[in-house]
C-alpha cells in the first residue's frame, strides 16, 4: 500500500491502466464514548482479462476481489481538528503537538475520519488529483451500501457530484 502523503498523485506511474477507482471504507468503534472512526483505502483496480469472467464494472465490483494498487486515505491535520481530537479523546495535547510539527515544516496526516461523508469528500479530492478518466465508487467493506457514492465518467455527472 502506498502512502498518499508521500507521493504526488498526478505524477504517479501505474504498472497497469486502472479501469476503476474504489474507495473501500471500514470502521472501528472503541469502548470510549464517541470512539467511532472511519478509514479508507483507494483501490485503483486492474481490469480482468479472463474472458470467462467478464469485465470489472461499477455494477459488479462487489463480486470481485480485484488486483489493485492501494492508497490509504489521509487528511492533513489542522489546528482546529487537533484541538477537537484532543478534547474528544482526552489526549492531553497529543494532536496539538503533532500539529505544531506541521508549523515547523513537517506536515502531519491522519487516517481517521468522523463520518462516511467526510471520508468520501477527502477520497474524491485525492481521486481527482490523479487526473484519471475512470469511474469511482465508494463501498463499505467491499459491499454496496446506503451511502454508496458513484461517479461515472460522463463529465456532466462527475461535475455535479464533485461540486457539492
N, C-alpha and C. Protein backbone atom coordinates (compact mmCIF):
# COMPACT_ATOMS: atom_id res chain seq x y z
N UNK A 1 0.85 -1.17 0.00
CA UNK A 1 0.00 0.00 0.00
C UNK A 1 0.90 1.24 0.00
N UNK A 2 0.50 2.24 -0.78
CA UNK A 2 1.25 3.48 -0.88
C UNK A 2 0.70 4.50 0.11
N UNK A 3 1.56 5.36 0.58
CA UNK A 3 1.17 6.44 1.49
C UNK A 3 0.92 7.68 0.66
N UNK A 4 -0.34 8.11 0.60
CA UNK A 4 -0.74 9.23 -0.24
C UNK A 4 -0.03 10.52 0.18
N UNK A 5 0.39 10.61 1.42
CA UNK A 5 1.07 11.83 1.89
C UNK A 5 2.51 11.91 1.40
N UNK A 6 3.01 10.82 0.80
CA UNK A 6 4.41 10.79 0.38
C UNK A 6 4.59 10.80 -1.14
N UNK A 7 3.50 10.96 -1.89
CA UNK A 7 3.62 10.97 -3.35
C UNK A 7 2.90 12.18 -3.92
N UNK A 8 3.15 12.43 -5.18
CA UNK A 8 2.43 13.45 -5.94
C UNK A 8 1.52 12.69 -6.90
N UNK A 9 0.19 12.63 -6.60
CA UNK A 9 -0.71 11.78 -7.39
C UNK A 9 -0.63 11.98 -8.90
N UNK A 10 -0.55 13.21 -9.37
CA UNK A 10 -0.57 13.43 -10.82
C UNK A 10 0.67 12.85 -11.51
N UNK A 11 1.75 12.62 -10.76
CA UNK A 11 2.98 12.08 -11.32
C UNK A 11 3.15 10.58 -11.08
N UNK A 12 2.19 9.97 -10.37
CA UNK A 12 2.32 8.55 -10.04
C UNK A 12 2.22 7.70 -11.31
N UNK A 13 3.10 6.72 -11.44
CA UNK A 13 3.12 5.82 -12.59
C UNK A 13 2.55 4.46 -12.19
N UNK A 14 1.41 4.12 -12.77
CA UNK A 14 0.79 2.82 -12.52
C UNK A 14 1.46 1.75 -13.38
N UNK A 15 1.50 0.52 -12.87
CA UNK A 15 2.06 -0.61 -13.63
C UNK A 15 1.05 -1.14 -14.64
N UNK A 16 -0.19 -0.68 -14.54
CA UNK A 16 -1.26 -1.05 -15.46
C UNK A 16 -2.19 0.16 -15.58
N UNK A 17 -3.07 0.14 -16.55
CA UNK A 17 -4.03 1.23 -16.69
C UNK A 17 -5.26 0.90 -15.85
N UNK A 18 -5.51 1.65 -14.78
CA UNK A 18 -6.66 1.35 -13.93
C UNK A 18 -7.98 1.50 -14.69
N UNK A 19 -8.94 0.63 -14.37
CA UNK A 19 -10.25 0.69 -15.02
C UNK A 19 -11.31 1.29 -14.11
N UNK A 20 -11.01 1.40 -12.82
CA UNK A 20 -11.99 1.82 -11.83
C UNK A 20 -11.26 2.22 -10.56
N UNK A 21 -11.81 3.19 -9.83
CA UNK A 21 -11.26 3.56 -8.52
C UNK A 21 -12.33 3.23 -7.47
N UNK A 22 -11.94 2.46 -6.48
CA UNK A 22 -12.85 2.06 -5.41
C UNK A 22 -12.35 2.64 -4.09
N UNK A 23 -13.24 3.33 -3.39
CA UNK A 23 -12.96 3.73 -2.02
C UNK A 23 -13.54 2.63 -1.15
N UNK A 24 -12.69 1.88 -0.48
CA UNK A 24 -13.17 0.84 0.44
C UNK A 24 -13.11 1.41 1.85
N UNK A 25 -14.30 1.61 2.43
CA UNK A 25 -14.43 2.21 3.76
C UNK A 25 -14.56 1.10 4.80
N UNK A 26 -13.85 1.27 5.89
CA UNK A 26 -14.00 0.38 7.04
C UNK A 26 -14.25 1.27 8.26
N UNK A 27 -14.65 0.65 9.36
CA UNK A 27 -14.90 1.44 10.56
C UNK A 27 -14.40 0.70 11.78
N UNK A 28 -14.30 1.46 12.85
CA UNK A 28 -13.87 0.90 14.13
C UNK A 28 -14.63 1.64 15.22
N UNK A 29 -15.12 0.92 16.17
CA UNK A 29 -15.81 1.53 17.30
C UNK A 29 -15.08 1.09 18.57
N UNK A 30 -14.56 2.08 19.28
CA UNK A 30 -13.86 1.80 20.52
C UNK A 30 -14.81 1.75 21.70
N UNK A 31 -14.26 1.50 22.87
CA UNK A 31 -15.10 1.41 24.07
C UNK A 31 -15.40 2.78 24.68
N UNK A 32 -14.62 3.78 24.28
CA UNK A 32 -14.86 5.14 24.78
C UNK A 32 -16.04 5.77 24.06
N UNK A 33 -16.73 6.67 24.73
CA UNK A 33 -17.84 7.38 24.11
C UNK A 33 -17.30 8.20 22.93
N UNK A 34 -17.95 8.06 21.80
CA UNK A 34 -17.56 8.82 20.62
C UNK A 34 -16.37 8.26 19.87
N UNK A 35 -15.89 7.09 20.27
CA UNK A 35 -14.72 6.50 19.60
C UNK A 35 -15.16 5.70 18.37
N UNK A 36 -15.78 6.40 17.44
CA UNK A 36 -16.16 5.82 16.16
C UNK A 36 -15.27 6.44 15.10
N UNK A 37 -14.64 5.61 14.31
CA UNK A 37 -13.73 6.11 13.27
C UNK A 37 -14.05 5.40 11.97
N UNK A 38 -13.82 6.12 10.90
CA UNK A 38 -13.92 5.53 9.56
C UNK A 38 -12.55 5.67 8.92
N UNK A 39 -12.18 4.64 8.18
CA UNK A 39 -10.90 4.59 7.49
C UNK A 39 -11.17 4.22 6.04
N UNK A 40 -10.23 4.51 5.17
CA UNK A 40 -10.47 4.18 3.78
C UNK A 40 -9.20 3.92 3.01
N UNK A 41 -9.36 3.11 1.98
CA UNK A 41 -8.30 2.86 1.02
C UNK A 41 -8.86 3.14 -0.36
N UNK A 42 -8.08 3.84 -1.16
CA UNK A 42 -8.42 4.00 -2.56
C UNK A 42 -7.74 2.86 -3.31
N UNK A 43 -8.53 2.08 -4.01
CA UNK A 43 -8.02 0.96 -4.79
C UNK A 43 -8.16 1.30 -6.27
N UNK A 44 -7.05 1.41 -6.96
CA UNK A 44 -7.08 1.60 -8.39
C UNK A 44 -7.01 0.21 -9.00
N UNK A 45 -8.13 -0.19 -9.61
CA UNK A 45 -8.36 -1.58 -9.98
C UNK A 45 -7.83 -1.90 -11.37
N UNK A 46 -7.17 -3.06 -11.46
CA UNK A 46 -6.71 -3.58 -12.74
C UNK A 46 -7.85 -4.37 -13.38
N UNK A 47 -8.07 -4.13 -14.65
CA UNK A 47 -9.17 -4.81 -15.35
C UNK A 47 -8.89 -6.30 -15.48
N UNK A 48 -9.94 -7.09 -15.31
CA UNK A 48 -9.86 -8.53 -15.52
C UNK A 48 -9.67 -8.79 -17.01
N UNK A 49 -8.77 -9.72 -17.34
CA UNK A 49 -8.55 -10.05 -18.75
C UNK A 49 -8.99 -11.47 -19.08
N UNK A 50 -9.52 -12.19 -18.12
CA UNK A 50 -10.00 -13.56 -18.37
C UNK A 50 -11.40 -13.48 -18.99
N UNK A 51 -11.56 -13.91 -20.24
CA UNK A 51 -12.85 -13.80 -20.91
C UNK A 51 -13.96 -14.62 -20.26
N UNK A 52 -13.61 -15.60 -19.45
CA UNK A 52 -14.63 -16.43 -18.79
C UNK A 52 -15.36 -15.68 -17.68
N UNK A 53 -14.80 -14.58 -17.20
CA UNK A 53 -15.40 -13.86 -16.07
C UNK A 53 -15.92 -12.48 -16.41
N UNK A 54 -15.62 -11.95 -17.56
CA UNK A 54 -16.13 -10.64 -17.94
C UNK A 54 -15.33 -9.49 -17.34
N UNK A 55 -15.77 -8.29 -17.66
CA UNK A 55 -15.09 -7.07 -17.22
C UNK A 55 -15.55 -6.65 -15.82
N UNK A 56 -14.66 -5.97 -15.11
CA UNK A 56 -14.99 -5.40 -13.81
C UNK A 56 -15.63 -4.03 -14.06
N UNK A 57 -16.79 -3.81 -13.45
CA UNK A 57 -17.51 -2.54 -13.61
C UNK A 57 -18.06 -2.09 -12.26
N UNK A 58 -18.61 -0.89 -12.24
CA UNK A 58 -19.27 -0.40 -11.03
C UNK A 58 -20.42 -1.32 -10.63
N UNK A 59 -21.10 -1.86 -11.62
CA UNK A 59 -22.26 -2.71 -11.34
C UNK A 59 -21.88 -4.03 -10.66
N UNK A 60 -20.68 -4.56 -10.95
CA UNK A 60 -20.34 -5.88 -10.40
C UNK A 60 -19.11 -5.88 -9.49
N UNK A 61 -18.56 -4.73 -9.16
CA UNK A 61 -17.32 -4.68 -8.37
C UNK A 61 -17.45 -5.38 -7.03
N UNK A 62 -18.63 -5.36 -6.42
CA UNK A 62 -18.75 -6.00 -5.10
C UNK A 62 -18.74 -7.53 -5.20
N UNK A 63 -18.64 -8.09 -6.40
CA UNK A 63 -18.47 -9.54 -6.57
C UNK A 63 -17.02 -9.93 -6.80
N UNK A 64 -16.13 -8.97 -6.79
CA UNK A 64 -14.72 -9.21 -7.12
C UNK A 64 -13.82 -8.93 -5.92
N UNK A 65 -12.68 -9.55 -5.92
CA UNK A 65 -11.53 -9.17 -5.09
C UNK A 65 -10.42 -8.86 -6.08
N UNK A 66 -10.47 -7.67 -6.67
CA UNK A 66 -9.60 -7.37 -7.81
C UNK A 66 -8.15 -7.11 -7.42
N UNK A 67 -7.27 -7.27 -8.42
CA UNK A 67 -5.90 -6.80 -8.28
C UNK A 67 -5.97 -5.28 -8.32
N UNK A 68 -5.18 -4.64 -7.47
CA UNK A 68 -5.24 -3.18 -7.43
C UNK A 68 -3.97 -2.62 -6.84
N UNK A 69 -3.80 -1.32 -7.04
CA UNK A 69 -2.77 -0.56 -6.33
C UNK A 69 -3.54 0.28 -5.32
N UNK A 70 -3.14 0.20 -4.05
CA UNK A 70 -3.90 0.79 -2.95
C UNK A 70 -3.18 1.97 -2.32
N UNK A 71 -4.00 2.95 -1.92
CA UNK A 71 -3.52 4.13 -1.21
C UNK A 71 -4.39 4.33 0.02
N UNK A 72 -3.76 4.51 1.17
CA UNK A 72 -4.52 4.81 2.37
C UNK A 72 -5.01 6.26 2.29
N UNK A 73 -6.29 6.48 2.59
CA UNK A 73 -6.84 7.83 2.55
C UNK A 73 -6.46 8.55 3.85
N UNK A 74 -5.80 9.70 3.68
CA UNK A 74 -5.37 10.50 4.82
C UNK A 74 -5.72 11.95 4.55
N UNK A 75 -5.84 12.70 5.62
CA UNK A 75 -6.10 14.13 5.51
C UNK A 75 -5.09 14.89 6.37
N UNK A 76 -4.72 16.09 5.91
CA UNK A 76 -3.80 16.89 6.72
C UNK A 76 -4.47 17.30 8.03
N UNK A 77 -3.71 17.23 9.09
CA UNK A 77 -4.22 17.64 10.41
C UNK A 77 -4.22 19.16 10.48
N UNK A 78 -5.37 19.73 10.83
CA UNK A 78 -5.48 21.18 11.02
C UNK A 78 -5.48 21.46 12.52
N UNK A 79 -5.20 22.69 12.90
CA UNK A 79 -5.20 23.06 14.32
C UNK A 79 -6.59 22.85 14.91
N UNK A 80 -7.63 23.24 14.19
CA UNK A 80 -9.00 23.05 14.67
C UNK A 80 -9.30 21.56 14.92
N UNK A 81 -8.89 20.73 13.98
CA UNK A 81 -9.10 19.29 14.11
C UNK A 81 -8.30 18.74 15.29
N UNK A 82 -7.05 19.20 15.45
CA UNK A 82 -6.20 18.74 16.55
C UNK A 82 -6.82 19.06 17.90
N UNK A 83 -7.32 20.26 18.05
CA UNK A 83 -7.96 20.65 19.32
C UNK A 83 -9.20 19.80 19.59
N UNK A 84 -10.01 19.58 18.53
CA UNK A 84 -11.22 18.77 18.68
C UNK A 84 -10.87 17.33 19.07
N UNK A 85 -9.84 16.77 18.45
CA UNK A 85 -9.45 15.39 18.75
C UNK A 85 -8.87 15.27 20.16
N UNK A 86 -8.08 16.27 20.58
CA UNK A 86 -7.55 16.24 21.95
C UNK A 86 -8.67 16.25 22.98
N UNK A 87 -9.70 17.05 22.73
CA UNK A 87 -10.85 17.08 23.65
C UNK A 87 -11.62 15.77 23.59
N UNK A 88 -11.89 15.32 22.38
CA UNK A 88 -12.70 14.11 22.18
C UNK A 88 -12.05 12.88 22.86
N UNK A 89 -10.73 12.76 22.73
CA UNK A 89 -10.05 11.57 23.26
C UNK A 89 -9.27 11.84 24.54
N UNK A 90 -9.44 13.03 25.11
CA UNK A 90 -8.75 13.41 26.34
C UNK A 90 -7.27 13.03 26.26
N UNK A 91 -6.63 13.48 25.19
CA UNK A 91 -5.27 13.05 24.91
C UNK A 91 -4.18 14.03 25.36
N UNK A 92 -4.54 14.98 26.21
CA UNK A 92 -3.57 15.88 26.82
C UNK A 92 -2.64 16.58 25.81
N UNK A 93 -3.20 17.02 24.69
CA UNK A 93 -2.42 17.81 23.74
C UNK A 93 -1.63 17.03 22.72
N UNK A 94 -1.82 15.73 22.63
CA UNK A 94 -1.07 14.91 21.67
C UNK A 94 -1.28 15.39 20.23
N UNK A 95 -2.53 15.64 19.86
CA UNK A 95 -2.82 16.06 18.49
C UNK A 95 -2.32 17.47 18.22
N UNK A 96 -2.47 18.38 19.19
CA UNK A 96 -1.98 19.74 19.02
C UNK A 96 -0.45 19.72 18.88
N UNK A 97 0.22 18.88 19.63
CA UNK A 97 1.68 18.75 19.49
C UNK A 97 2.06 18.28 18.09
N UNK A 98 1.29 17.33 17.55
CA UNK A 98 1.53 16.85 16.19
C UNK A 98 1.33 17.97 15.19
N UNK A 99 0.31 18.79 15.41
CA UNK A 99 0.07 19.92 14.50
C UNK A 99 1.22 20.91 14.56
N UNK A 100 1.78 21.14 15.73
CA UNK A 100 2.87 22.10 15.86
C UNK A 100 4.10 21.66 15.06
N UNK A 101 4.28 20.35 14.88
CA UNK A 101 5.35 19.87 14.00
C UNK A 101 5.08 20.35 12.58
N UNK A 102 3.80 20.37 12.22
CA UNK A 102 3.38 20.83 10.90
C UNK A 102 3.80 22.28 10.69
N UNK A 103 3.67 23.09 11.72
CA UNK A 103 4.07 24.50 11.61
C UNK A 103 5.56 24.65 11.36
N UNK A 104 6.35 23.63 11.74
CA UNK A 104 7.80 23.68 11.55
C UNK A 104 8.24 22.89 10.33
N UNK A 105 7.34 22.73 9.37
CA UNK A 105 7.71 22.13 8.10
C UNK A 105 7.36 20.66 7.93
N UNK A 106 6.96 19.98 8.97
CA UNK A 106 6.60 18.56 8.83
C UNK A 106 5.08 18.45 8.90
N UNK A 107 4.47 18.19 7.75
CA UNK A 107 3.02 18.09 7.68
C UNK A 107 2.58 16.79 8.34
N UNK A 108 1.56 16.87 9.17
CA UNK A 108 1.02 15.70 9.85
C UNK A 108 -0.29 15.29 9.18
N UNK A 109 -0.40 14.01 8.87
CA UNK A 109 -1.62 13.47 8.26
C UNK A 109 -2.24 12.46 9.22
N UNK A 110 -3.57 12.38 9.20
CA UNK A 110 -4.25 11.36 9.99
C UNK A 110 -5.15 10.56 9.06
N UNK A 111 -5.37 9.32 9.43
CA UNK A 111 -6.15 8.42 8.58
C UNK A 111 -7.55 8.16 9.12
N UNK A 112 -7.93 8.80 10.21
CA UNK A 112 -9.26 8.56 10.78
C UNK A 112 -10.19 9.70 10.40
N UNK A 113 -11.45 9.32 10.18
CA UNK A 113 -12.49 10.28 9.79
C UNK A 113 -13.68 10.07 10.71
N UNK A 114 -14.44 11.14 10.92
CA UNK A 114 -15.58 11.08 11.84
C UNK A 114 -16.87 10.62 11.17
N UNK A 115 -16.92 10.64 9.84
CA UNK A 115 -18.16 10.24 9.16
C UNK A 115 -17.83 9.69 7.77
N UNK A 116 -18.80 8.99 7.22
CA UNK A 116 -18.66 8.48 5.86
C UNK A 116 -18.61 9.64 4.88
N UNK A 117 -19.41 10.66 5.11
CA UNK A 117 -19.40 11.82 4.22
C UNK A 117 -18.01 12.49 4.21
N UNK A 118 -17.39 12.58 5.38
CA UNK A 118 -16.07 13.21 5.49
C UNK A 118 -15.02 12.42 4.71
N UNK A 119 -15.04 11.10 4.82
CA UNK A 119 -14.05 10.29 4.11
C UNK A 119 -14.33 10.29 2.61
N UNK A 120 -15.62 10.28 2.22
CA UNK A 120 -15.95 10.38 0.79
C UNK A 120 -15.39 11.66 0.20
N UNK A 121 -15.60 12.78 0.89
CA UNK A 121 -15.14 14.08 0.39
C UNK A 121 -13.62 14.10 0.22
N UNK A 122 -12.89 13.60 1.20
CA UNK A 122 -11.43 13.58 1.12
C UNK A 122 -10.97 12.64 0.01
N UNK A 123 -11.57 11.48 -0.10
CA UNK A 123 -11.18 10.49 -1.12
C UNK A 123 -11.42 11.02 -2.53
N UNK A 124 -12.52 11.74 -2.73
CA UNK A 124 -12.80 12.30 -4.05
C UNK A 124 -11.75 13.34 -4.42
N UNK A 125 -11.33 14.15 -3.47
CA UNK A 125 -10.28 15.14 -3.74
C UNK A 125 -8.99 14.43 -4.17
N UNK A 126 -8.63 13.37 -3.46
CA UNK A 126 -7.42 12.62 -3.80
C UNK A 126 -7.59 11.97 -5.18
N UNK A 127 -8.73 11.33 -5.41
CA UNK A 127 -9.02 10.69 -6.69
C UNK A 127 -8.85 11.69 -7.84
N UNK A 128 -9.38 12.90 -7.68
CA UNK A 128 -9.28 13.92 -8.72
C UNK A 128 -7.83 14.31 -8.99
N UNK A 129 -6.97 14.27 -7.96
CA UNK A 129 -5.57 14.66 -8.14
C UNK A 129 -4.84 13.71 -9.09
N UNK A 130 -5.30 12.48 -9.23
CA UNK A 130 -4.65 11.54 -10.13
C UNK A 130 -4.94 11.87 -11.59
N UNK A 131 -6.04 12.59 -11.85
CA UNK A 131 -6.36 13.02 -13.20
C UNK A 131 -6.76 11.90 -14.15
N UNK A 132 -7.28 10.80 -13.62
CA UNK A 132 -7.66 9.67 -14.46
C UNK A 132 -9.13 9.76 -14.88
N UNK A 133 -9.42 9.36 -16.08
CA UNK A 133 -10.81 9.36 -16.58
C UNK A 133 -11.42 7.97 -16.37
N UNK A 134 -11.58 7.61 -15.12
CA UNK A 134 -12.17 6.31 -14.77
C UNK A 134 -13.30 6.54 -13.78
N UNK A 135 -14.18 5.55 -13.64
CA UNK A 135 -15.29 5.66 -12.71
C UNK A 135 -14.81 5.49 -11.27
N UNK A 136 -15.61 6.01 -10.34
CA UNK A 136 -15.32 5.97 -8.91
C UNK A 136 -16.54 5.42 -8.19
N UNK A 137 -16.31 4.58 -7.20
CA UNK A 137 -17.40 4.08 -6.36
C UNK A 137 -16.89 3.93 -4.94
N UNK A 138 -17.74 4.26 -3.96
CA UNK A 138 -17.38 4.00 -2.56
C UNK A 138 -18.15 2.78 -2.08
N UNK A 139 -17.46 1.90 -1.37
CA UNK A 139 -18.04 0.69 -0.82
C UNK A 139 -17.73 0.62 0.66
N UNK A 140 -18.57 -0.06 1.41
CA UNK A 140 -18.31 -0.31 2.82
C UNK A 140 -17.93 -1.78 2.95
N UNK A 141 -16.68 -2.02 3.33
CA UNK A 141 -16.13 -3.37 3.42
C UNK A 141 -16.40 -4.14 2.13
N UNK A 142 -16.11 -3.48 1.01
CA UNK A 142 -16.21 -4.00 -0.36
C UNK A 142 -17.63 -4.39 -0.77
N UNK A 143 -18.63 -3.80 -0.12
CA UNK A 143 -20.04 -4.05 -0.49
C UNK A 143 -20.74 -2.71 -0.70
N UNK A 144 -21.68 -2.69 -1.63
CA UNK A 144 -22.50 -1.50 -1.82
C UNK A 144 -23.37 -1.32 -0.57
N UNK A 145 -23.64 -0.06 -0.21
CA UNK A 145 -24.41 0.23 0.99
C UNK A 145 -25.23 1.49 0.75
N UNK A 146 -26.02 1.89 1.73
CA UNK A 146 -26.96 3.00 1.54
C UNK A 146 -26.28 4.32 1.16
N UNK A 147 -25.02 4.50 1.54
CA UNK A 147 -24.32 5.75 1.22
C UNK A 147 -23.28 5.56 0.11
N UNK A 148 -23.43 4.49 -0.67
CA UNK A 148 -22.51 4.28 -1.78
C UNK A 148 -22.57 5.49 -2.71
N UNK A 149 -21.42 6.00 -3.05
CA UNK A 149 -21.30 7.15 -3.93
C UNK A 149 -20.69 6.67 -5.24
N UNK A 150 -21.32 7.01 -6.35
CA UNK A 150 -20.84 6.60 -7.66
C UNK A 150 -20.58 7.86 -8.49
N UNK A 151 -19.43 7.90 -9.12
CA UNK A 151 -19.12 8.97 -10.06
C UNK A 151 -18.80 8.29 -11.39
N UNK A 152 -19.63 8.56 -12.37
CA UNK A 152 -19.44 7.99 -13.71
C UNK A 152 -18.49 8.87 -14.51
N UNK A 153 -17.99 8.33 -15.59
CA UNK A 153 -17.06 9.06 -16.46
C UNK A 153 -17.67 10.30 -17.09
N UNK A 154 -18.95 10.29 -17.36
CA UNK A 154 -19.52 11.41 -18.10
C UNK A 154 -19.33 12.70 -17.31
N UNK A 155 -18.83 13.73 -17.97
CA UNK A 155 -18.45 14.98 -17.32
C UNK A 155 -19.62 15.64 -16.61
N UNK A 156 -20.82 15.57 -17.17
CA UNK A 156 -21.94 16.26 -16.52
C UNK A 156 -22.27 15.65 -15.18
N UNK A 157 -22.22 14.33 -15.04
CA UNK A 157 -22.49 13.68 -13.75
C UNK A 157 -21.33 13.94 -12.79
N UNK A 158 -20.10 13.78 -13.27
CA UNK A 158 -18.93 13.97 -12.41
C UNK A 158 -18.90 15.38 -11.85
N UNK A 159 -19.11 16.37 -12.69
CA UNK A 159 -19.06 17.76 -12.23
C UNK A 159 -20.17 18.03 -11.21
N UNK A 160 -21.34 17.47 -11.41
CA UNK A 160 -22.44 17.68 -10.48
C UNK A 160 -22.10 17.12 -9.10
N UNK A 161 -21.54 15.91 -9.07
CA UNK A 161 -21.22 15.26 -7.80
C UNK A 161 -20.06 15.96 -7.11
N UNK A 162 -19.03 16.32 -7.85
CA UNK A 162 -17.82 16.89 -7.24
C UNK A 162 -18.00 18.33 -6.78
N UNK A 163 -18.99 19.03 -7.28
CA UNK A 163 -19.20 20.42 -6.90
C UNK A 163 -20.14 20.55 -5.71
N UNK A 164 -20.50 19.49 -5.04
CA UNK A 164 -21.40 19.52 -3.88
C UNK A 164 -21.11 20.66 -2.97
